[in-house]
C-alpha atoms as a PDB file:
ATOM      1  CA  GLN A   1      -0.450   0.010  -0.491  1.00  0.00           C
ATOM      2  CA  ILE A   2       1.349   3.258  -0.966  1.00  0.00           C
ATOM      3  CA  ASN A   3       1.550   5.902   1.951  1.00  0.00           C
ATOM      4  CA  MET A   4       0.900   9.713  -0.415  1.00  0.00           C
ATOM      5  CA  ALA A   5       2.509  11.565   1.910  1.00  0.00           C
ATOM      6  CA  THR A   6       5.294  14.298   1.536  1.00  0.00           C
ATOM      7  CA  THR A   7       8.338  13.603   2.848  1.00  0.00           C
ATOM      8  CA  LEU A   8      12.301  15.118   3.058  1.00  0.00           C
ATOM      9  CA  THR A   9      15.623  13.492   3.903  1.00  0.00           C
ATOM     10  CA  LEU A  10      18.212  15.625   4.906  1.00  0.00           C
ATOM     11  CA  GLU A  11      21.105  16.693   7.059  1.00  0.00           C
ATOM     12  CA  ASP A  12      23.081  19.316   8.401  1.00  0.00           C
ATOM     13  CA  THR A  13      26.060  19.324   5.687  1.00  0.00           C
ATOM     14  CA  SER A  14      23.736  18.167   2.436  1.00  0.00           C
ATOM     15  CA  GLN A  15      24.576  19.186  -0.528  1.00  0.00           C
ATOM     16  CA  GLU A  16      20.687  19.226  -1.276  1.00  0.00           C
ATOM     17  CA  LYS A  17      17.894  20.906   0.105  1.00  0.00           C
ATOM     18  CA  ILE A  18      14.337  20.021  -0.230  1.00  0.00           C
ATOM     19  CA  ASP A  19      11.749  22.698   1.051  1.00  0.00           C
ATOM     20  CA  ASP A  20       8.614  21.079   0.745  1.00  0.00           C
ATOM     21  CA  LYS A  21       6.623  19.559   4.236  1.00  0.00           C
ATOM     22  CA  GLN A  22       6.093  16.407   4.380  1.00  0.00           C
ATOM     23  CA  CYS A  23       2.302  15.757   4.891  1.00  0.00           C
ATOM     24  CA  GLU A  24       3.164  12.534   7.420  1.00  0.00           C
ATOM     25  CA  ILE A  25       3.083  13.422  11.566  1.00  0.00           C
ATOM     26  CA  PHE A  26       5.919  10.900  11.882  1.00  0.00           C
ATOM     27  CA  CYS A  27       9.643  12.205  11.647  1.00  0.00           C
ATOM     28  CA  LEU A  28      13.027  10.406  12.340  1.00  0.00           C
ATOM     29  CA  PHE A  29      15.152  13.032  13.623  1.00  0.00           C
ATOM     30  CA  TRP A  30      19.243  11.528  13.850  1.00  0.00           C
ATOM     31  CA  LEU A  31      21.672  13.181  15.772  1.00  0.00           C
ATOM     32  CA  ASP A  32      25.042  11.790  15.796  1.00  0.00           C
ATOM     33  CA  SER A  33      28.804  13.618  14.616  1.00  0.00           C
ATOM     34  CA  ASN A  34      29.603  10.360  12.569  1.00  0.00           C
ATOM     35  CA  THR A  35      26.102   8.846  10.834  1.00  0.00           C
ATOM     36  CA  ASP A  36      27.984   9.117   7.355  1.00  0.00           C
ATOM     37  CA  THR A  37      28.677   4.922   7.359  1.00  0.00           C
ATOM     38  CA  HIS A  38      28.039   2.266   5.486  1.00  0.00           C
ATOM     39  CA  GLU A  39      26.049   0.692   8.014  1.00  0.00           C
ATOM     40  CA  THR A  40      23.920   3.143   9.063  1.00  0.00           C
ATOM     41  CA  ARG A  41      23.099   4.026   5.267  1.00  0.00           C
ATOM     42  CA  ASN A  42      21.576   0.616   5.250  1.00  0.00           C
ATOM     43  CA  ALA A  43      19.800   1.375   8.415  1.00  0.00           C
ATOM     44  CA  GLU A  44      18.675   4.488   6.918  1.00  0.00           C
ATOM     45  CA  GLN A  45      16.925   2.460   4.188  1.00  0.00           C
ATOM     46  CA  LYS A  46      14.846   0.359   6.587  1.00  0.00           C
ATOM     47  CA  LEU A  47      13.872   3.286   8.660  1.00  0.00           C
ATOM     48  CA  ARG A  48      12.563   5.256   5.557  1.00  0.00           C
ATOM     49  CA  SER A  49      10.707   2.829   4.328  1.00  0.00           C
ATOM     50  CA  VAL A  50       8.494   2.896   8.012  1.00  0.00           C
ATOM     51  CA  ILE A  51       9.032   6.664   8.745  1.00  0.00           C
ATOM     52  CA  ASN A  52      10.124   8.212   5.101  1.00  0.00           C
ATOM     53  CA  TYR A  53      10.717  11.281   6.652  1.00  0.00           C
ATOM     54  CA  LEU A  54      14.801  11.320   8.157  1.00  0.00           C
ATOM     55  CA  LYS A  55      16.135  13.926   8.646  1.00  0.00           C
ATOM     56  CA  ARG A  56      20.058  13.722  10.297  1.00  0.00           C
ATOM     57  CA  PHE A  57      22.182  15.922  11.899  1.00  0.00           C
ATOM     58  CA  GLN A  58      25.834  16.256  13.304  1.00  0.00           C
ATOM     59  CA  GLU A  59      24.894  19.444  15.622  1.00  0.00           C
ATOM     60  CA  VAL A  60      22.961  19.352  18.999  1.00  0.00           C
ATOM     61  CA  LYS A  61      22.201  22.940  18.084  1.00  0.00           C
ATOM     62  CA  SER A  62      20.590  22.551  14.833  1.00  0.00           C
ATOM     63  CA  CYS A  63      18.278  19.689  16.082  1.00  0.00           C
ATOM     64  CA  GLN A  64      17.229  21.517  19.027  1.00  0.00           C
ATOM     65  CA  ARG A  65      16.359  24.245  17.062  1.00  0.00           C
ATOM     66  CA  ASP A  66      14.506  22.364  14.410  1.00  0.00           C
ATOM     67  CA  ILE A  67      12.853  20.205  17.461  1.00  0.00           C
ATOM     68  CA  GLU A  68      11.619  23.514  18.932  1.00  0.00           C
ATOM     69  CA  GLN A  69      10.643  24.972  15.606  1.00  0.00           C
ATOM     70  CA  SER A  70       8.407  22.245  14.825  1.00  0.00           C
ATOM     71  CA  SER A  71       4.716  21.986  14.740  1.00  0.00           C
ATOM     72  CA  HIS A  72       3.290  20.782  17.898  1.00  0.00           C
ATOM     73  CA  LYS A  73       1.627  18.139  16.217  1.00  0.00           C
ATOM     74  CA  ASP A  74       4.358  16.585  14.721  1.00  0.00           C
ATOM     75  CA  ARG A  75       5.620  12.828  16.168  1.00  0.00           C
ATOM     76  CA  ILE A  76       9.043  13.239  16.373  1.00  0.00           C
ATOM     77  CA  ILE A  77      11.154  10.345  17.189  1.00  0.00           C
ATOM     78  CA  LEU A  78      14.512  10.914  17.965  1.00  0.00           C
ATOM     79  CA  ILE A  79      17.937   8.619  17.424  1.00  0.00           C
ATOM     80  CA  VAL A  80      20.949   9.965  19.382  1.00  0.00           C
ATOM     81  CA  SER A  81      24.314   9.439  20.095  1.00  0.00           C
ATOM     82  CA  GLY A  82      25.481   8.607  23.995  1.00  0.00           C
ATOM     83  CA  ARG A  83      27.877  11.677  23.961  1.00  0.00           C
ATOM     84  CA  LEU A  84      25.261  14.003  22.525  1.00  0.00           C
ATOM     85  CA  GLY A  85      22.341  12.466  23.747  1.00  0.00           C
ATOM     86  CA  GLN A  86      23.206  13.774  27.251  1.00  0.00           C
ATOM     87  CA  GLU A  87      23.525  17.014  25.720  1.00  0.00           C
ATOM     88  CA  ILE A  88      20.461  17.478  23.666  1.00  0.00           C
ATOM     89  CA  VAL A  89      17.454  14.714  25.654  1.00  0.00           C
ATOM     90  CA  PRO A  90      17.518  17.061  29.032  1.00  0.00           C
ATOM     91  CA  THR A  91      16.686  20.488  26.962  1.00  0.00           C
ATOM     92  CA  ILE A  92      13.706  18.937  24.860  1.00  0.00           C
ATOM     93  CA  TYR A  93      12.558  15.826  25.922  1.00  0.00           C
ATOM     94  CA  GLN A  94       9.424  17.524  27.328  1.00  0.00           C
ATOM     95  CA  LEU A  95       8.519  18.670  24.239  1.00  0.00           C
ATOM     96  CA  ARG A  96       4.657  17.583  23.392  1.00  0.00           C
ATOM     97  CA  GLN A  97       6.432  16.887  19.744  1.00  0.00           C
ATOM     98  CA  VAL A  98       9.240  14.346  20.735  1.00  0.00           C
ATOM     99  CA  VAL A  99       7.357  11.352  21.518  1.00  0.00           C
ATOM    100  CA  SER A 100      10.213   8.576  21.815  1.00  0.00           C
ATOM    101  CA  ILE A 101      13.944   8.819  22.337  1.00  0.00           C
ATOM    102  CA  TYR A 102      16.134   5.760  21.517  1.00  0.00           C
ATOM    103  CA  VAL A 103      20.222   5.704  22.240  1.00  0.00           C
ATOM    104  CA  TYR A 104      22.358   4.042  20.057  1.00  0.00           C
ATOM    105  CA  CYS A 105      25.651   3.974  21.680  1.00  0.00           C
ATOM    106  CA  MET A 106      29.166   1.156  22.495  1.00  0.00           C
ATOM    107  CA  ASP A 107      28.615   1.195  25.991  1.00  0.00           C
ATOM    108  CA  ILE A 108      24.679   0.950  26.744  1.00  0.00           C
ATOM    109  CA  LYS A 109      25.463   0.482  30.847  1.00  0.00           C
ATOM    110  CA  ARG A 110      27.159   4.165  30.912  1.00  0.00           C
ATOM    111  CA  HIS A 111      24.634   5.410  28.919  1.00  0.00           C
ATOM    112  CA  GLU A 112      21.675   3.802  30.865  1.00  0.00           C
ATOM    113  CA  GLN A 113      22.548   5.706  33.823  1.00  0.00           C
ATOM    114  CA  TRP A 114      21.366   8.713  32.810  1.00  0.00           C
ATOM    115  CA  ALA A 115      18.770   7.843  30.013  1.00  0.00           C
ATOM    116  CA  SER A 116      16.932   6.199  32.896  1.00  0.00           C
ATOM    117  CA  LYS A 117      15.915   9.400  34.290  1.00  0.00           C
ATOM    118  CA  TYR A 118      13.884  10.602  31.056  1.00  0.00           C
ATOM    119  CA  ASN A 119      10.801   8.298  30.785  1.00  0.00           C
ATOM    120  CA  LYS A 120      10.697   9.044  26.917  1.00  0.00           C
ATOM    121  CA  VAL A 121      14.092   7.358  26.065  1.00  0.00           C
ATOM    122  CA  ASN A 122      12.435   3.679  24.846  1.00  0.00           C
ATOM    123  CA  ALA A 123      15.962   2.329  24.463  1.00  0.00           C
ATOM    124  CA  VAL A 124      19.717   2.440  24.633  1.00  0.00           C
ATOM    125  CA  LEU A 125      21.039   0.098  22.224  1.00  0.00           C
ATOM    126  CA  ASP A 126      24.313  -0.841  20.346  1.00  0.00           C
ATOM    127  CA  ASP A 127      23.644  -2.834  17.442  1.00  0.00           C
ATOM    128  CA  LEU A 128      22.033  -0.812  14.746  1.00  0.00           C
ATOM    129  CA  ASP A 129      19.402  -4.210  13.294  1.00  0.00           C
ATOM    130  CA  THR A 130      17.966  -4.312  17.167  1.00  0.00           C
ATOM    131  CA  LEU A 131      17.195  -0.613  17.051  1.00  0.00           C
ATOM    132  CA  VAL A 132      15.664  -0.620  13.711  1.00  0.00           C
ATOM    133  CA  THR A 133      13.131  -3.444  15.014  1.00  0.00           C
ATOM    134  CA  ARG A 134      12.877  -2.385  17.645  1.00  0.00           C
ATOM    135  CA  ILE A 135      11.788   1.423  16.667  1.00  0.00           C
ATOM    136  CA  THR A 136       9.565  -0.234  13.443  1.00  0.00           C
ATOM    137  CA  GLU A 137       7.869  -2.499  16.436  1.00  0.00           C
ATOM    138  CA  ASP A 138       7.228   0.804  18.683  1.00  0.00           C
ATOM    139  CA  HIS A 139       6.322   2.702  15.834  1.00  0.00           C
ATOM    140  CA  ASN A 140       3.376  -0.095  14.665  1.00  0.00           C
ATOM    141  CA  ILE A 141       1.780   0.832  18.338  1.00  0.00           C
ATOM    142  CA  GLN A 142       2.482   4.709  18.591  1.00  0.00           C
ATOM    143  CA  LYS A 143       1.097   5.608  14.833  1.00  0.00           C
ATOM    144  CA  LYS A 144      -2.386   4.188  15.980  1.00  0.00           C
ATOM    145  CA  VAL A 145      -2.475   6.195  19.048  1.00  0.00           C
ATOM    146  CA  ASP A 146      -1.205   9.611  17.240  1.00  0.00           C
ATOM    147  CA  GLU A 147      -1.987   9.442  13.199  1.00  0.00           C
ATOM    148  CA  PRO A 148      -4.854  11.518  12.739  1.00  0.00           C
ATOM    149  CA  LEU A 149      -7.993  10.485  10.668  1.00  0.00           C
ATOM    150  CA  PRO A 150      -7.956  11.969   6.671  1.00  0.00           C
ATOM    151  CA  ILE A 151     -10.821  13.733   7.104  1.00  0.00           C
ATOM    152  CA  ASP A 152     -11.303  15.812  10.523  1.00  0.00           C
ATOM    153  CA  ILE A 153     -15.067  16.839  11.012  1.00  0.00           C
ATOM    154  CA  PHE A 154     -15.257  17.720  13.967  1.00  0.00           C
ATOM    155  CA  SER A 155     -12.316  19.996  15.544  1.00  0.00           C
ATOM    156  CA  SER A 156     -10.559  19.893  18.625  1.00  0.00           C
ATOM    157  CA  GLY A 157     -12.103  23.277  20.102  1.00  0.00           C
ATOM    158  CA  GLY A 158     -15.564  21.957  19.391  1.00  0.00           C
ATOM    159  CA  ALA A 159     -16.283  21.804  23.045  1.00  0.00           C
ATOM    160  CA  GLY A 160     -19.336  23.169  23.906  1.00  0.00           C
ATOM    161  CA  GLN A 161     -19.989  24.326  20.019  1.00  0.00           C
ATOM    162  CA  SER A 162     -24.129  24.380  19.456  1.00  0.00           C
ATOM    163  CA  THR A 163     -25.277  21.082  17.811  1.00  0.00           C
ATOM    164  CA  MET A 164     -26.016  23.150  15.028  1.00  0.00           C
ATOM    165  CA  GLY A 165     -22.546  24.269  14.227  1.00  0.00           C
ATOM    166  CA  VAL A 166     -21.506  20.488  14.861  1.00  0.00           C
ATOM    167  CA  PHE A 167     -24.475  19.559  12.496  1.00  0.00           C
ATOM    168  CA  GLY A 168     -23.147  22.449   9.522  1.00  0.00           C
ATOM    169  CA  GLN A 169     -19.504  20.737   9.861  1.00  0.00           C
ATOM    170  CA  PHE A 170     -21.264  17.610   9.401  1.00  0.00           C
ATOM    171  CA  VAL A 171     -23.416  18.836   6.175  1.00  0.00           C
ATOM    172  CA  PHE A 172     -20.085  20.466   4.964  1.00  0.00           C
ATOM    173  CA  SER A 173     -18.082  17.394   5.123  1.00  0.00           C
ATOM    174  CA  GLN A 174     -20.965  15.648   2.989  1.00  0.00           C
ATOM    175  CA  VAL A 175     -20.885  18.485   0.569  1.00  0.00           C
ATOM    176  CA  LEU A 176     -16.997  18.598  -0.110  1.00  0.00           C
ATOM    177  CA  ILE A 177     -17.162  14.594  -0.397  1.00  0.00           C
ATOM    178  CA  ASP A 178     -19.779  14.473  -2.855  1.00  0.00           C
ATOM    179  CA  CYS A 179     -17.699  17.296  -4.732  1.00  0.00           C
ATOM    180  CA  LEU A 180     -15.026  15.094  -5.169  1.00  0.00           C
ATOM    181  CA  LEU A 181     -16.913  12.622  -5.984  1.00  0.00           C
ATOM    182  CA  ARG A 182     -18.613  14.278  -9.121  1.00  0.00           C
ATOM    183  CA  LEU A 183     -14.837  15.718 -10.206  1.00  0.00           C
ATOM    184  CA  LYS A 184     -13.940  14.399 -14.001  1.00  0.00           C
ATOM    185  CA  SER A 185     -10.665  12.203 -13.744  1.00  0.00           C
ATOM    186  CA  ASN A 186      -8.067  13.983 -16.237  1.00  0.00           C
ATOM    187  CA  PRO A 187      -5.287  11.659 -17.197  1.00  0.00           C
ATOM    188  CA  ALA A 188      -2.946  14.237 -16.295  1.00  0.00           C
ATOM    189  CA  ASP A 189      -4.174  13.742 -12.682  1.00  0.00           C
ATOM    190  CA  LYS A 190      -2.540  10.698 -12.369  1.00  0.00           C
ATOM    191  CA  ASP A 191       0.679  11.343 -14.062  1.00  0.00           C
ATOM    192  CA  GLU A 192       1.261  14.559 -11.481  1.00  0.00           C
ATOM    193  CA  LEU A 193       0.461  12.483  -8.656  1.00  0.00           C
ATOM    194  CA  ILE A 194       2.944   9.442  -9.705  1.00  0.00           C
ATOM    195  CA  LYS A 195       5.750  12.696 -10.714  1.00  0.00           C
ATOM    196  CA  ARG A 196       5.038  13.961  -6.847  1.00  0.00           C
ATOM    197  CA  CYS A 197       5.017  10.535  -4.975  1.00  0.00           C
ATOM    198  CA  LYS A 198       8.419  10.173  -7.257  1.00  0.00           C
ATOM    199  CA  ASN A 199       9.924  13.085  -6.006  1.00  0.00           C
ATOM    200  CA  ASP A 200       9.238  12.738  -2.500  1.00  0.00           C
ATOM    201  CA  TYR A 201      10.173   8.957  -1.976  1.00  0.00           C
ATOM    202  CA  GLY A 202      13.602   9.701  -3.465  1.00  0.00           C
ATOM    203  CA  GLY A 203      16.245   7.623  -2.286  1.00  0.00           C
ATOM    204  CA  ASN A 204      13.497   5.349  -0.650  1.00  0.00           C
ATOM    205  CA  ARG A 205      13.744   2.086  -2.970  1.00  0.00           C
ATOM    206  CA  ARG A 206      10.865   0.397  -1.366  1.00  0.00           C
ATOM    207  CA  GLU A 207       8.429   3.082  -1.352  1.00  0.00           C
ATOM    208  CA  LEU A 208       9.896   3.817  -5.345  1.00  0.00           C
ATOM    209  CA  GLU A 209       8.987   0.117  -5.977  1.00  0.00           C
ATOM    210  CA  TYR A 210       5.462   0.813  -5.111  1.00  0.00           C
ATOM    211  CA  ILE A 211       5.028   3.639  -7.073  1.00  0.00           C
ATOM    212  CA  SER A 212       6.175   2.112 -10.121  1.00  0.00           C
ATOM    213  CA  GLU A 213       3.623  -1.076  -9.278  1.00  0.00           C
ATOM    214  CA  PHE A 214       1.163   1.750  -9.240  1.00  0.00           C
ATOM    215  CA  GLU A 215       2.239   3.937 -12.563  1.00  0.00           C
ATOM    216  CA  THR A 216       2.274   0.414 -13.978  1.00  0.00           C
ATOM    217  CA  ASN A 217      -0.971  -1.692 -12.874  1.00  0.00           C
ATOM    218  CA  TYR A 218      -3.700   1.078 -11.415  1.00  0.00           C
ATOM    219  CA  THR A 219      -7.201   0.862 -12.643  1.00  0.00           C
ATOM    220  CA  PRO A 220     -10.469   2.786 -11.447  1.00  0.00           C
ATOM    221  CA  ASP A 221     -12.005  -0.546 -10.512  1.00  0.00           C
ATOM    222  CA  LYS A 222      -9.039  -1.600  -8.003  1.00  0.00           C
ATOM    223  CA  ALA A 223      -8.956   1.792  -6.170  1.00  0.00           C
ATOM    224  CA  LEU A 224      -9.973   0.192  -3.216  1.00  0.00           C
ATOM    225  CA  ARG A 225      -6.666  -1.650  -3.299  1.00  0.00           C
ATOM    226  CA  TRP A 226      -4.151   1.220  -3.279  1.00  0.00           C
END
Protein backbone atom coordinates (compact mmCIF):
# COMPACT_ATOMS: atom_id res chain seq x y z
CA GLN A 1 0.00 0.00 0.00
CA ILE A 2 1.38 3.40 -0.99
CA ASN A 3 1.70 6.03 1.66
CA MET A 4 0.93 9.19 -0.32
CA ALA A 5 2.51 11.53 2.21
CA THR A 6 5.15 14.05 1.25
CA THR A 7 8.58 13.44 2.74
CA LEU A 8 12.02 14.86 3.16
CA THR A 9 15.45 13.54 3.95
CA LEU A 10 18.11 16.03 4.90
CA GLU A 11 21.33 16.34 6.84
CA ASP A 12 23.24 19.30 8.23
CA THR A 13 25.99 19.06 5.65
CA SER A 14 23.81 17.93 2.78
CA GLN A 15 24.54 19.39 -0.64
CA GLU A 16 20.85 19.22 -1.45
CA LYS A 17 17.90 20.82 0.29
CA ILE A 18 14.22 20.15 -0.30
CA ASP A 19 11.77 22.79 0.87
CA ASP A 20 8.61 20.67 0.87
CA LYS A 21 7.24 19.75 4.28
CA GLN A 22 6.00 16.22 4.74
CA CYS A 23 2.29 15.54 5.16
CA GLU A 24 2.73 12.65 7.56
CA ILE A 25 3.06 13.64 11.19
CA PHE A 26 5.83 11.20 12.14
CA CYS A 27 9.46 12.03 11.43
CA LEU A 28 12.84 10.67 12.42
CA PHE A 29 15.65 12.91 13.61
CA TRP A 30 19.07 11.26 13.85
CA LEU A 31 21.70 13.16 15.82
CA ASP A 32 25.20 11.71 15.64
CA SER A 33 28.55 13.22 14.75
CA ASN A 34 29.37 10.13 12.69
CA THR A 35 26.36 8.90 10.69
CA ASP A 36 27.86 8.66 7.20
CA THR A 37 28.90 5.00 7.22
CA HIS A 38 27.80 2.02 5.16
CA GLU A 39 26.02 0.50 8.16
CA THR A 40 24.09 3.66 9.03
CA ARG A 41 23.08 4.22 5.40
CA ASN A 42 21.63 0.71 5.29
CA ALA A 43 19.83 1.36 8.57
CA GLU A 44 18.41 4.59 7.16
CA GLN A 45 16.93 2.76 4.17
CA LYS A 46 15.23 0.29 6.50
CA LEU A 47 13.93 3.09 8.74
CA ARG A 48 12.60 5.05 5.77
CA SER A 49 10.45 2.07 4.83
CA VAL A 50 8.71 2.65 8.17
CA ILE A 51 8.87 6.46 8.50
CA ASN A 52 9.84 8.14 5.26
CA TYR A 53 10.83 11.54 6.66
CA LEU A 54 14.35 11.27 8.06
CA LYS A 55 16.61 14.16 8.89
CA ARG A 56 20.22 13.82 10.01
CA PHE A 57 22.16 16.14 12.26
CA GLN A 58 25.75 16.31 13.42
CA GLU A 59 25.37 19.17 15.89
CA VAL A 60 23.15 19.52 18.96
CA LYS A 61 22.37 23.18 18.28
CA SER A 62 20.79 22.66 14.85
CA CYS A 63 18.89 19.55 15.96
CA GLN A 64 17.50 21.30 19.04
CA ARG A 65 16.48 24.31 16.94
CA ASP A 66 14.56 22.19 14.44
CA ILE A 67 12.81 20.25 17.18
CA GLU A 68 11.77 23.41 19.00
CA GLN A 69 10.57 25.07 15.78
CA SER A 70 8.53 22.07 14.63
CA SER A 71 4.76 22.01 14.96
CA HIS A 72 3.21 20.66 18.14
CA LYS A 73 1.23 18.36 15.85
CA ASP A 74 4.42 16.68 14.65
CA ARG A 75 5.60 13.46 16.26
CA ILE A 76 9.38 13.31 16.38
CA ILE A 77 11.31 10.12 17.03
CA LEU A 78 14.89 10.97 17.99
CA ILE A 79 17.87 8.68 17.51
CA VAL A 80 20.91 10.08 19.29
CA SER A 81 24.42 9.00 20.20
CA GLY A 82 25.24 8.54 23.87
CA ARG A 83 27.54 11.56 24.10
CA LEU A 84 25.24 13.98 22.28
CA GLY A 85 22.20 12.51 23.99
CA GLN A 86 23.49 13.59 27.38
CA GLU A 87 23.54 17.14 26.05
CA ILE A 88 20.27 17.39 24.12
CA VAL A 89 17.82 15.07 25.89
CA PRO A 90 17.47 17.22 29.06
CA THR A 91 16.53 20.23 26.90
CA ILE A 92 13.91 18.63 24.63
CA TYR A 93 12.39 15.60 26.32
CA GLN A 94 9.44 17.56 27.73
CA LEU A 95 8.37 18.95 24.35
CA ARG A 96 5.05 17.55 23.16
CA GLN A 97 6.33 16.84 19.64
CA VAL A 98 9.08 14.53 20.93
CA VAL A 99 7.35 11.17 21.43
CA SER A 100 10.26 8.78 21.80
CA ILE A 101 14.05 8.73 22.05
CA TYR A 102 16.50 5.96 21.22
CA VAL A 103 20.13 6.12 22.33
CA TYR A 104 22.53 4.36 19.98
CA CYS A 105 25.93 3.92 21.62
CA MET A 106 28.79 1.51 22.23
CA ASP A 107 28.56 1.56 26.05
CA ILE A 108 25.05 0.62 27.13
CA LYS A 109 25.70 0.47 30.89
CA ARG A 110 27.26 3.92 30.97
CA HIS A 111 24.50 5.65 29.03
CA GLU A 112 21.65 3.79 30.70
CA GLN A 113 22.61 5.60 33.91
CA TRP A 114 21.56 9.04 32.63
CA ALA A 115 18.96 7.83 30.11
CA SER A 116 16.91 6.08 32.81
CA LYS A 117 15.94 9.51 34.19
CA TYR A 118 13.85 10.29 31.09
CA ASN A 119 10.69 8.30 30.43
CA LYS A 120 10.70 9.11 26.71
CA VAL A 121 13.94 7.17 26.24
CA ASN A 122 12.54 3.87 24.98
CA ALA A 123 15.83 2.03 24.64
CA VAL A 124 19.61 2.25 24.83
CA LEU A 125 21.08 0.02 22.13
CA ASP A 126 24.44 -0.85 20.60
CA ASP A 127 23.26 -2.71 17.48
CA LEU A 128 21.73 -1.03 14.42
CA ASP A 129 19.56 -3.98 13.38
CA THR A 130 18.10 -4.15 16.88
CA LEU A 131 17.55 -0.39 16.77
CA VAL A 132 15.60 -0.62 13.51
CA THR A 133 13.50 -3.53 14.78
CA ARG A 134 12.67 -1.77 18.04
CA ILE A 135 11.69 1.50 16.33
CA THR A 136 9.52 -0.42 13.84
CA GLU A 137 7.70 -2.33 16.58
CA ASP A 138 7.17 0.76 18.73
CA HIS A 139 6.01 2.84 15.77
CA ASN A 140 3.37 0.31 14.78
CA ILE A 141 1.83 0.85 18.20
CA GLN A 142 2.40 4.61 18.41
CA LYS A 143 0.87 5.48 15.05
CA LYS A 144 -2.43 3.89 16.07
CA VAL A 145 -2.58 6.34 18.95
CA ASP A 146 -1.27 9.53 17.37
CA GLU A 147 -1.99 9.45 13.63
CA PRO A 148 -5.12 11.49 12.87
CA LEU A 149 -7.95 10.47 10.57
CA PRO A 150 -7.52 11.73 6.98
CA ILE A 151 -10.62 13.93 7.28
CA ASP A 152 -11.25 15.84 10.49
CA ILE A 153 -14.97 16.53 10.60
CA PHE A 154 -15.03 17.90 14.13
CA SER A 155 -12.47 20.43 15.30
CA SER A 156 -10.43 19.78 18.44
CA GLY A 157 -11.98 22.87 20.01
CA GLY A 158 -15.48 21.50 19.59
CA ALA A 159 -16.33 21.39 23.30
CA GLY A 160 -19.23 23.73 23.95
CA GLN A 161 -20.22 24.07 20.30
CA SER A 162 -23.93 24.20 19.55
CA THR A 163 -25.66 21.25 17.94
CA MET A 164 -26.32 23.45 14.91
CA GLY A 165 -22.60 24.19 14.60
CA VAL A 166 -21.68 20.51 14.71
CA PHE A 167 -24.48 19.70 12.23
CA GLY A 168 -23.17 22.41 9.91
CA GLN A 169 -19.69 20.87 9.96
CA PHE A 170 -21.16 17.46 9.15
CA VAL A 171 -23.17 18.86 6.22
CA PHE A 172 -20.07 20.66 4.93
CA SER A 173 -18.06 17.42 5.03
CA GLN A 174 -20.79 15.61 3.08
CA VAL A 175 -20.92 18.36 0.44
CA LEU A 176 -17.13 18.24 0.12
CA ILE A 177 -17.14 14.46 -0.37
CA ASP A 178 -19.96 14.74 -2.91
CA CYS A 179 -18.02 17.38 -4.88
CA LEU A 180 -14.91 15.19 -4.90
CA LEU A 181 -16.90 12.23 -6.18
CA ARG A 182 -18.38 14.33 -8.98
CA LEU A 183 -15.02 15.58 -10.24
CA LYS A 184 -14.15 14.17 -13.63
CA SER A 185 -10.85 12.34 -13.77
CA ASN A 186 -8.09 13.59 -15.99
CA PRO A 187 -5.22 11.38 -17.24
CA ALA A 188 -2.84 14.16 -16.29
CA ASP A 189 -3.93 13.85 -12.64
CA LYS A 190 -2.41 10.39 -12.31
CA ASP A 191 0.81 11.53 -14.00
CA GLU A 192 1.04 14.52 -11.67
CA LEU A 193 0.48 12.33 -8.61
CA ILE A 194 3.12 9.81 -9.68
CA LYS A 195 5.63 12.55 -10.43
CA ARG A 196 5.05 14.12 -7.01
CA CYS A 197 5.37 10.78 -5.23
CA LYS A 198 8.61 9.91 -7.02
CA ASN A 199 10.02 13.29 -6.06
CA ASP A 200 8.88 12.99 -2.45
CA TYR A 201 10.18 9.45 -2.02
CA GLY A 202 13.48 9.96 -3.84
CA GLY A 203 16.07 7.58 -2.40
CA ASN A 204 13.47 5.37 -0.71
CA ARG A 205 13.79 2.17 -2.73
CA ARG A 206 10.88 0.34 -1.15
CA GLU A 207 8.36 3.13 -1.69
CA LEU A 208 9.62 3.76 -5.23
CA GLU A 209 8.90 0.11 -6.04
CA TYR A 210 5.32 0.57 -4.81
CA ILE A 211 4.97 3.73 -6.88
CA SER A 212 6.23 1.96 -10.02
CA GLU A 213 3.75 -0.85 -9.40
CA PHE A 214 0.97 1.72 -8.99
CA GLU A 215 2.01 3.47 -12.21
CA THR A 216 1.92 0.20 -14.15
CA ASN A 217 -1.07 -1.60 -12.65
CA TYR A 218 -3.51 0.99 -11.31
CA THR A 219 -7.00 1.09 -12.78
CA PRO A 220 -10.10 2.76 -11.29
CA ASP A 221 -11.73 -0.60 -10.51
CA LYS A 222 -8.72 -1.42 -8.27
CA ALA A 223 -8.81 1.86 -6.37
CA LEU A 224 -9.63 0.26 -3.01
CA ARG A 225 -6.48 -1.83 -3.18
CA TRP A 226 -4.36 1.29 -2.99
